[in-house]
Amino acid sequence: MHIDYEIREEDYLSAEWAFFKYAFYRTALWLRVIWFLPLVPIACSFYYAWERGSWAGAIFPTLVLGLVIPLLLLQGWKRAYRKAVPLHGPISLYVDDDGWRFSNAFTSANLKWASFENYREDQKTVMLIHRGQNQVNFVAKRDLTNAQLDELRQILNRNITERTG
């Protein structure tokens, strides 16, 4: 199967978020911790207000720390996309029972199915998660016809055994 596609910034951000949410166990463990981080400044603000007997100045640290952390994460992903020049421009992808091969003006790679631990699909992307690494290859669904998407699912189901844990 041959697919020609381009990775836009919104595709990259969507895939990064999906990988962040659905990745293997180590990332899932990290997610259990990070969702509590905005609660820390809130608790500190309540303690600060209780000690002073006033809410004056207590809300600012909550807003700064509670809202800045997710924004920094998003900005980091945007910066990573801008610096990843090989992701810009047209990409040719060949998928069959031998593996996942892609090429563009900058690089080409031939990845065997054994190098992938898992694959995930969300509303916008199909992602292949590398074995033991925090790395993912993906293709945006907007670049696929329904027939291509069905064929891709069949190939992935045949060649990647999903692992959990």
N, C-alpha and C. Protein backbone atom coordinates (compact mmCIF):
# COMPACT_ATOMS: atom_id res chain seq x y z
N MET A 1 0.84 -1.17 0.00
CA MET A 1 0.00 0.00 0.00
C MET A 1 0.89 1.24 0.00
N HIS A 2 0.56 2.20 -0.81
CA HIS A 2 1.32 3.43 -0.93
C HIS A 2 0.44 4.61 -0.49
N ILE A 3 1.02 5.49 0.34
CA ILE A 3 0.31 6.68 0.81
C ILE A 3 1.25 7.87 0.67
N ASP A 4 0.78 8.94 0.05
CA ASP A 4 1.50 10.21 0.02
C ASP A 4 0.80 11.14 0.98
N TYR A 5 1.57 11.75 1.88
CA TYR A 5 0.96 12.62 2.87
C TYR A 5 1.94 13.70 3.32
N GLU A 6 1.43 14.65 4.06
CA GLU A 6 2.21 15.73 4.64
C GLU A 6 1.84 15.87 6.11
N ILE A 7 2.83 16.16 6.93
CA ILE A 7 2.57 16.34 8.36
C ILE A 7 2.47 17.84 8.62
N ARG A 8 1.30 18.27 9.01
CA ARG A 8 1.10 19.67 9.40
C ARG A 8 1.35 19.81 10.90
N GLU A 9 1.48 21.03 11.35
CA GLU A 9 1.72 21.26 12.77
C GLU A 9 0.58 20.71 13.62
N GLU A 10 -0.66 20.90 13.18
CA GLU A 10 -1.79 20.40 13.97
C GLU A 10 -1.80 18.86 14.02
N ASP A 11 -1.32 18.21 12.94
CA ASP A 11 -1.20 16.75 12.96
C ASP A 11 -0.16 16.32 14.00
N TYR A 12 0.96 17.01 13.99
CA TYR A 12 2.04 16.69 14.92
C TYR A 12 1.59 16.87 16.36
N LEU A 13 0.92 17.98 16.65
CA LEU A 13 0.45 18.25 18.00
C LEU A 13 -0.61 17.23 18.42
N SER A 14 -1.49 16.87 17.51
CA SER A 14 -2.51 15.87 17.81
C SER A 14 -1.87 14.52 18.12
N ALA A 15 -0.87 14.13 17.33
CA ALA A 15 -0.19 12.86 17.57
C ALA A 15 0.59 12.88 18.87
N GLU A 16 1.25 14.00 19.18
CA GLU A 16 1.99 14.11 20.43
C GLU A 16 1.04 13.98 21.62
N TRP A 17 -0.10 14.64 21.54
CA TRP A 17 -1.06 14.57 22.64
C TRP A 17 -1.60 13.15 22.79
N ALA A 18 -1.94 12.54 21.66
CA ALA A 18 -2.46 11.17 21.70
C ALA A 18 -1.41 10.21 22.25
N PHE A 19 -0.16 10.40 21.83
CA PHE A 19 0.92 9.54 22.33
C PHE A 19 1.10 9.77 23.82
N PHE A 20 1.01 11.01 24.24
CA PHE A 20 1.13 11.35 25.66
C PHE A 20 0.04 10.67 26.47
N LYS A 21 -1.19 10.65 25.92
CA LYS A 21 -2.32 10.06 26.63
C LYS A 21 -2.31 8.54 26.62
N TYR A 22 -1.98 7.95 25.47
CA TYR A 22 -2.20 6.52 25.29
C TYR A 22 -0.95 5.65 25.25
N ALA A 23 0.20 6.23 25.44
CA ALA A 23 1.43 5.46 25.28
C ALA A 23 1.56 4.37 26.32
N PHE A 24 2.61 3.61 26.21
CA PHE A 24 2.80 2.45 27.07
C PHE A 24 2.99 2.83 28.52
N TYR A 25 3.18 1.86 29.37
CA TYR A 25 3.05 1.96 30.82
C TYR A 25 3.86 3.09 31.45
N ARG A 26 5.09 3.28 31.04
CA ARG A 26 5.91 4.32 31.68
C ARG A 26 5.29 5.69 31.52
N THR A 27 4.75 5.98 30.34
CA THR A 27 4.11 7.27 30.12
C THR A 27 2.80 7.34 30.90
N ALA A 28 2.06 6.24 30.93
CA ALA A 28 0.80 6.22 31.68
C ALA A 28 1.06 6.48 33.16
N LEU A 29 2.15 5.93 33.68
CA LEU A 29 2.51 6.18 35.07
C LEU A 29 2.81 7.67 35.28
N TRP A 30 3.50 8.28 34.33
CA TRP A 30 3.80 9.71 34.39
C TRP A 30 2.52 10.54 34.37
N LEU A 31 1.54 10.10 33.56
CA LEU A 31 0.27 10.82 33.49
C LEU A 31 -0.44 10.85 34.84
N ARG A 32 -0.34 9.76 35.58
CA ARG A 32 -0.98 9.72 36.89
C ARG A 32 -0.41 10.78 37.81
N VAL A 33 0.84 11.15 37.60
CA VAL A 33 1.48 12.17 38.43
C VAL A 33 1.18 13.57 37.90
N ILE A 34 1.29 13.76 36.58
CA ILE A 34 1.19 15.11 36.03
C ILE A 34 -0.19 15.73 36.19
N TRP A 35 -1.25 14.93 36.20
CA TRP A 35 -2.58 15.51 36.35
C TRP A 35 -2.79 16.10 37.73
N PHE A 36 -1.98 15.70 38.70
CA PHE A 36 -2.09 16.25 40.04
C PHE A 36 -1.26 17.53 40.21
N LEU A 37 -0.37 17.82 39.26
CA LEU A 37 0.48 18.99 39.39
C LEU A 37 -0.29 20.30 39.52
N PRO A 38 -1.36 20.53 38.75
CA PRO A 38 -2.10 21.78 38.95
C PRO A 38 -2.73 21.89 40.34
N LEU A 39 -2.93 20.77 41.02
CA LEU A 39 -3.50 20.82 42.37
C LEU A 39 -2.49 21.34 43.40
N VAL A 40 -1.21 21.18 43.13
CA VAL A 40 -0.18 21.64 44.07
C VAL A 40 -0.24 23.15 44.26
N PRO A 41 -0.22 23.96 43.19
CA PRO A 41 -0.32 25.41 43.43
C PRO A 41 -1.65 25.83 44.05
N ILE A 42 -2.72 25.11 43.74
CA ILE A 42 -4.01 25.43 44.35
C ILE A 42 -3.94 25.18 45.85
N ALA A 43 -3.39 24.04 46.25
CA ALA A 43 -3.24 23.74 47.68
C ALA A 43 -2.33 24.76 48.35
N CYS A 44 -1.25 25.14 47.66
CA CYS A 44 -0.35 26.15 48.23
C CYS A 44 -1.05 27.49 48.39
N SER A 45 -1.89 27.84 47.42
CA SER A 45 -2.63 29.10 47.52
C SER A 45 -3.61 29.09 48.68
N PHE A 46 -4.32 27.97 48.87
CA PHE A 46 -5.23 27.87 50.01
C PHE A 46 -4.47 27.98 51.33
N TYR A 47 -3.34 27.32 51.40
CA TYR A 47 -2.53 27.38 52.63
C TYR A 47 -2.04 28.81 52.87
N TYR A 48 -1.56 29.45 51.78
CA TYR A 48 -1.08 30.83 51.86
C TYR A 48 -2.20 31.77 52.33
N ALA A 49 -3.40 31.61 51.74
CA ALA A 49 -4.53 32.46 52.11
C ALA A 49 -4.97 32.19 53.55
N TRP A 50 -4.95 30.95 53.97
CA TRP A 50 -5.34 30.59 55.34
C TRP A 50 -4.36 31.18 56.35
N GLU A 51 -3.08 31.11 56.05
CA GLU A 51 -2.05 31.65 56.95
C GLU A 51 -2.16 33.18 57.07
N ARG A 52 -2.42 33.85 55.94
CA ARG A 52 -2.49 35.31 55.95
C ARG A 52 -3.87 35.80 56.36
N GLY A 53 -4.86 34.95 56.23
CA GLY A 53 -6.22 35.37 56.55
C GLY A 53 -6.82 36.23 55.45
N SER A 54 -6.23 36.18 54.26
CA SER A 54 -6.71 36.99 53.14
C SER A 54 -6.41 36.26 51.84
N TRP A 55 -7.29 36.47 50.85
CA TRP A 55 -7.05 35.88 49.54
C TRP A 55 -6.19 36.77 48.66
N ALA A 56 -5.85 37.95 49.12
CA ALA A 56 -5.04 38.87 48.31
C ALA A 56 -3.69 38.23 48.00
N GLY A 57 -3.37 38.11 46.73
CA GLY A 57 -2.10 37.54 46.30
C GLY A 57 -2.07 36.03 46.25
N ALA A 58 -3.13 35.36 46.68
CA ALA A 58 -3.12 33.90 46.73
C ALA A 58 -3.51 33.28 45.38
N ILE A 59 -4.26 33.99 44.58
CA ILE A 59 -4.74 33.42 43.31
C ILE A 59 -3.66 33.47 42.24
N PHE A 60 -2.80 34.45 42.26
CA PHE A 60 -1.78 34.60 41.23
C PHE A 60 -0.88 33.36 41.10
N PRO A 61 -0.31 32.83 42.20
CA PRO A 61 0.52 31.62 42.03
C PRO A 61 -0.26 30.44 41.46
N THR A 62 -1.52 30.33 41.81
CA THR A 62 -2.34 29.25 41.28
C THR A 62 -2.49 29.36 39.78
N LEU A 63 -2.81 30.56 39.30
CA LEU A 63 -2.96 30.76 37.87
C LEU A 63 -1.65 30.56 37.13
N VAL A 64 -0.58 31.10 37.66
CA VAL A 64 0.71 30.99 37.00
C VAL A 64 1.13 29.53 36.89
N LEU A 65 1.19 28.82 37.98
CA LEU A 65 1.68 27.45 37.97
C LEU A 65 0.66 26.48 37.37
N GLY A 66 -0.61 26.68 37.65
CA GLY A 66 -1.62 25.77 37.16
C GLY A 66 -1.89 25.87 35.67
N LEU A 67 -1.70 27.05 35.09
CA LEU A 67 -1.95 27.23 33.67
C LEU A 67 -0.67 27.21 32.83
N VAL A 68 0.44 27.57 33.41
CA VAL A 68 1.68 27.66 32.65
C VAL A 68 2.23 26.28 32.30
N ILE A 69 2.07 25.30 33.17
CA ILE A 69 2.64 23.97 32.92
C ILE A 69 2.08 23.37 31.62
N PRO A 70 0.76 23.32 31.42
CA PRO A 70 0.26 22.77 30.14
C PRO A 70 0.67 23.62 28.93
N LEU A 71 0.73 24.94 29.10
CA LEU A 71 1.14 25.80 27.99
C LEU A 71 2.60 25.56 27.61
N LEU A 72 3.45 25.34 28.61
CA LEU A 72 4.86 25.04 28.32
C LEU A 72 5.00 23.73 27.57
N LEU A 73 4.20 22.75 27.92
CA LEU A 73 4.21 21.46 27.23
C LEU A 73 3.82 21.65 25.77
N LEU A 74 2.75 22.39 25.52
CA LEU A 74 2.29 22.65 24.16
C LEU A 74 3.33 23.43 23.37
N GLN A 75 3.93 24.45 23.97
CA GLN A 75 4.95 25.24 23.28
C GLN A 75 6.18 24.39 22.95
N GLY A 76 6.52 23.47 23.85
CA GLY A 76 7.65 22.57 23.57
C GLY A 76 7.38 21.69 22.36
N TRP A 77 6.17 21.18 22.24
CA TRP A 77 5.81 20.37 21.08
C TRP A 77 5.84 21.20 19.80
N LYS A 78 5.34 22.44 19.86
CA LYS A 78 5.37 23.31 18.68
C LYS A 78 6.80 23.62 18.26
N ARG A 79 7.64 23.88 19.22
CA ARG A 79 9.05 24.16 18.93
C ARG A 79 9.73 22.93 18.32
N ALA A 80 9.42 21.75 18.83
CA ALA A 80 9.99 20.51 18.30
C ALA A 80 9.57 20.30 16.85
N TYR A 81 8.32 20.60 16.52
CA TYR A 81 7.86 20.45 15.13
C TYR A 81 8.59 21.43 14.22
N ARG A 82 8.73 22.67 14.65
CA ARG A 82 9.40 23.67 13.82
C ARG A 82 10.86 23.30 13.56
N LYS A 83 11.51 22.69 14.52
CA LYS A 83 12.92 22.31 14.37
C LYS A 83 13.10 21.03 13.58
N ALA A 84 12.07 20.22 13.48
CA ALA A 84 12.15 18.93 12.78
C ALA A 84 11.89 19.14 11.29
N VAL A 85 12.86 19.69 10.59
CA VAL A 85 12.71 20.01 9.17
C VAL A 85 12.35 18.78 8.32
N PRO A 86 12.88 17.58 8.61
CA PRO A 86 12.49 16.42 7.79
C PRO A 86 10.99 16.09 7.84
N LEU A 87 10.27 16.60 8.81
CA LEU A 87 8.83 16.36 8.87
C LEU A 87 8.05 17.27 7.92
N HIS A 88 8.68 18.32 7.44
CA HIS A 88 8.00 19.28 6.58
C HIS A 88 8.09 18.82 5.13
N GLY A 89 7.02 18.99 4.40
CA GLY A 89 7.02 18.61 2.99
C GLY A 89 6.39 17.25 2.77
N PRO A 90 6.27 16.88 1.50
CA PRO A 90 5.61 15.62 1.16
C PRO A 90 6.42 14.39 1.62
N ILE A 91 5.69 13.38 2.07
CA ILE A 91 6.29 12.13 2.52
C ILE A 91 5.60 10.99 1.80
N SER A 92 6.39 10.03 1.33
CA SER A 92 5.83 8.82 0.71
C SER A 92 5.96 7.68 1.70
N LEU A 93 4.87 6.99 1.92
CA LEU A 93 4.84 5.88 2.86
C LEU A 93 4.42 4.61 2.12
N TYR A 94 5.18 3.54 2.34
CA TYR A 94 4.85 2.22 1.80
C TYR A 94 4.66 1.29 2.98
N VAL A 95 3.50 0.68 3.05
CA VAL A 95 3.17 -0.22 4.15
C VAL A 95 2.77 -1.56 3.55
N ASP A 96 3.44 -2.62 4.01
CA ASP A 96 3.07 -3.98 3.61
C ASP A 96 3.47 -4.93 4.73
N ASP A 97 3.42 -6.23 4.46
CA ASP A 97 3.73 -7.21 5.49
C ASP A 97 5.21 -7.23 5.86
N ASP A 98 6.06 -6.57 5.09
CA ASP A 98 7.49 -6.48 5.42
C ASP A 98 7.79 -5.36 6.41
N GLY A 99 7.00 -4.30 6.39
CA GLY A 99 7.26 -3.21 7.32
C GLY A 99 6.67 -1.89 6.87
N TRP A 100 7.20 -0.84 7.46
CA TRP A 100 6.73 0.54 7.30
C TRP A 100 7.91 1.31 6.71
N ARG A 101 7.81 1.70 5.45
CA ARG A 101 8.91 2.40 4.77
C ARG A 101 8.43 3.79 4.37
N PHE A 102 9.21 4.78 4.74
CA PHE A 102 8.84 6.13 4.34
C PHE A 102 10.07 6.87 3.83
N SER A 103 9.82 7.87 2.98
CA SER A 103 10.91 8.67 2.45
C SER A 103 10.38 10.06 2.10
N ASN A 104 11.30 11.01 2.16
CA ASN A 104 11.01 12.37 1.73
C ASN A 104 12.30 12.97 1.18
N ALA A 105 12.34 14.26 0.98
CA ALA A 105 13.52 14.90 0.40
C ALA A 105 14.74 14.82 1.31
N PHE A 106 14.54 14.60 2.61
CA PHE A 106 15.63 14.63 3.57
C PHE A 106 16.12 13.26 4.01
N THR A 107 15.22 12.30 4.07
CA THR A 107 15.58 11.02 4.68
C THR A 107 14.70 9.90 4.16
N SER A 108 15.11 8.70 4.46
CA SER A 108 14.26 7.54 4.19
C SER A 108 14.55 6.51 5.28
N ALA A 109 13.56 5.69 5.57
CA ALA A 109 13.72 4.67 6.61
C ALA A 109 12.89 3.45 6.25
N ASN A 110 13.42 2.31 6.64
CA ASN A 110 12.72 1.05 6.47
C ASN A 110 12.61 0.41 7.84
N LEU A 111 11.43 0.40 8.41
CA LEU A 111 11.22 -0.10 9.76
C LEU A 111 10.46 -1.43 9.70
N LYS A 112 11.05 -2.45 10.27
CA LYS A 112 10.42 -3.77 10.32
C LYS A 112 9.35 -3.76 11.42
N TRP A 113 8.37 -4.63 11.29
CA TRP A 113 7.27 -4.68 12.26
C TRP A 113 7.77 -5.03 13.66
N ALA A 114 8.86 -5.75 13.75
CA ALA A 114 9.40 -6.12 15.07
C ALA A 114 9.87 -4.91 15.87
N SER A 115 10.10 -3.78 15.21
CA SER A 115 10.56 -2.59 15.92
C SER A 115 9.41 -1.83 16.59
N PHE A 116 8.18 -2.25 16.33
CA PHE A 116 7.02 -1.58 16.91
C PHE A 116 6.41 -2.43 18.02
N GLU A 117 6.09 -1.77 19.11
CA GLU A 117 5.49 -2.44 20.26
C GLU A 117 3.97 -2.47 20.16
N ASN A 118 3.42 -1.45 19.56
CA ASN A 118 2.00 -1.22 19.69
C ASN A 118 1.57 -0.27 18.58
N TYR A 119 0.28 -0.20 18.33
CA TYR A 119 -0.25 0.88 17.51
C TYR A 119 -1.54 1.38 18.14
N ARG A 120 -1.81 2.63 17.93
CA ARG A 120 -3.02 3.26 18.47
C ARG A 120 -3.67 4.05 17.35
N GLU A 121 -4.97 4.20 17.49
CA GLU A 121 -5.72 4.99 16.53
C GLU A 121 -6.66 5.89 17.31
N ASP A 122 -6.67 7.16 16.95
CA ASP A 122 -7.65 8.07 17.54
C ASP A 122 -8.43 8.71 16.40
N GLN A 123 -9.12 9.78 16.66
CA GLN A 123 -9.97 10.39 15.65
C GLN A 123 -9.18 11.03 14.51
N LYS A 124 -7.93 11.44 14.79
CA LYS A 124 -7.16 12.17 13.78
C LYS A 124 -5.96 11.42 13.22
N THR A 125 -5.41 10.46 13.97
CA THR A 125 -4.17 9.82 13.54
C THR A 125 -4.16 8.32 13.77
N VAL A 126 -3.26 7.67 13.05
CA VAL A 126 -2.90 6.28 13.31
C VAL A 126 -1.43 6.32 13.70
N MET A 127 -1.11 5.82 14.89
CA MET A 127 0.26 5.92 15.42
C MET A 127 0.86 4.54 15.63
N LEU A 128 2.14 4.41 15.33
CA LEU A 128 2.88 3.21 15.63
C LEU A 128 3.90 3.56 16.70
N ILE A 129 3.85 2.85 17.81
CA ILE A 129 4.71 3.15 18.95
C ILE A 129 5.90 2.20 18.93
N HIS A 130 7.09 2.78 18.94
CA HIS A 130 8.31 1.99 18.89
C HIS A 130 8.52 1.20 20.17
N ARG A 131 9.12 0.06 20.05
CA ARG A 131 9.39 -0.84 21.16
C ARG A 131 10.42 -0.21 22.10
N GLY A 132 10.02 0.00 23.37
CA GLY A 132 10.93 0.46 24.41
C GLY A 132 11.45 1.88 24.26
N GLN A 133 10.84 2.69 23.42
CA GLN A 133 11.31 4.06 23.23
C GLN A 133 10.12 5.01 23.33
N ASN A 134 10.44 6.24 23.60
CA ASN A 134 9.40 7.28 23.58
C ASN A 134 9.38 7.90 22.20
N GLN A 135 9.07 7.09 21.22
CA GLN A 135 9.07 7.53 19.84
C GLN A 135 7.85 6.95 19.14
N VAL A 136 7.33 7.70 18.19
CA VAL A 136 6.12 7.28 17.49
C VAL A 136 6.21 7.70 16.03
N ASN A 137 5.71 6.87 15.13
CA ASN A 137 5.49 7.24 13.75
C ASN A 137 4.00 7.31 13.55
N PHE A 138 3.55 8.24 12.74
CA PHE A 138 2.10 8.39 12.57
C PHE A 138 1.77 8.87 11.19
N VAL A 139 0.52 8.67 10.82
CA VAL A 139 -0.04 9.23 9.60
C VAL A 139 -1.40 9.83 9.96
N ALA A 140 -1.67 11.00 9.42
CA ALA A 140 -2.94 11.67 9.69
C ALA A 140 -4.05 11.01 8.87
N LYS A 141 -5.17 10.79 9.50
CA LYS A 141 -6.30 10.14 8.82
C LYS A 141 -6.85 10.99 7.69
N ARG A 142 -6.68 12.30 7.76
CA ARG A 142 -7.23 13.16 6.70
C ARG A 142 -6.57 12.87 5.35
N ASP A 143 -5.37 12.26 5.36
CA ASP A 143 -4.67 11.93 4.13
C ASP A 143 -5.04 10.56 3.58
N LEU A 144 -5.90 9.83 4.29
CA LEU A 144 -6.25 8.47 3.89
C LEU A 144 -7.69 8.40 3.40
N THR A 145 -7.89 7.61 2.35
CA THR A 145 -9.25 7.31 1.94
C THR A 145 -9.77 6.21 2.88
N ASN A 146 -11.06 5.97 2.87
CA ASN A 146 -11.63 4.91 3.71
C ASN A 146 -11.05 3.55 3.36
N ALA A 147 -10.84 3.30 2.07
CA ALA A 147 -10.26 2.02 1.64
C ALA A 147 -8.82 1.88 2.15
N GLN A 148 -8.04 2.96 2.06
CA GLN A 148 -6.66 2.92 2.56
C GLN A 148 -6.63 2.71 4.07
N LEU A 149 -7.54 3.36 4.78
CA LEU A 149 -7.59 3.21 6.23
C LEU A 149 -7.95 1.78 6.61
N ASP A 150 -8.90 1.19 5.92
CA ASP A 150 -9.25 -0.21 6.19
C ASP A 150 -8.09 -1.14 5.90
N GLU A 151 -7.40 -0.92 4.78
CA GLU A 151 -6.25 -1.75 4.43
C GLU A 151 -5.12 -1.59 5.45
N LEU A 152 -4.88 -0.34 5.88
CA LEU A 152 -3.85 -0.09 6.90
C LEU A 152 -4.18 -0.82 8.21
N ARG A 153 -5.43 -0.76 8.62
CA ARG A 153 -5.85 -1.47 9.84
C ARG A 153 -5.61 -2.98 9.71
N GLN A 154 -5.93 -3.53 8.56
CA GLN A 154 -5.72 -4.97 8.35
C GLN A 154 -4.23 -5.32 8.43
N ILE A 155 -3.38 -4.53 7.81
CA ILE A 155 -1.94 -4.78 7.84
C ILE A 155 -1.42 -4.67 9.27
N LEU A 156 -1.84 -3.63 9.99
CA LEU A 156 -1.39 -3.45 11.37
C LEU A 156 -1.87 -4.59 12.26
N ASN A 157 -3.11 -5.02 12.10
CA ASN A 157 -3.64 -6.13 12.92
C ASN A 157 -2.88 -7.43 12.64
N ARG A 158 -2.47 -7.63 11.39
CA ARG A 158 -1.73 -8.85 11.05
C ARG A 158 -0.30 -8.84 11.60
N ASN A 159 0.31 -7.66 11.67
CA ASN A 159 1.75 -7.60 11.91
C ASN A 159 2.18 -7.08 13.27
N ILE A 160 1.31 -6.43 13.99
CA ILE A 160 1.68 -5.89 15.31
C ILE A 160 0.78 -6.52 16.36
N THR A 161 1.41 -7.17 17.30
CA THR A 161 0.69 -7.74 18.43
C THR A 161 0.71 -6.70 19.54
N GLU A 162 -0.45 -6.20 19.92
CA GLU A 162 -0.54 -5.16 20.92
C GLU A 162 -0.14 -5.70 22.29
N ARG A 163 0.71 -4.98 22.96
CA ARG A 163 1.16 -5.36 24.29
C ARG A 163 0.69 -4.32 25.30
N THR A 164 0.41 -4.78 26.49
CA THR A 164 0.05 -3.86 27.55
C THR A 164 1.00 -4.07 28.70
N GLY A 165 1.09 -3.04 29.58
CA GLY A 165 1.94 -3.18 30.75
C GLY A 165 3.18 -2.39 30.69
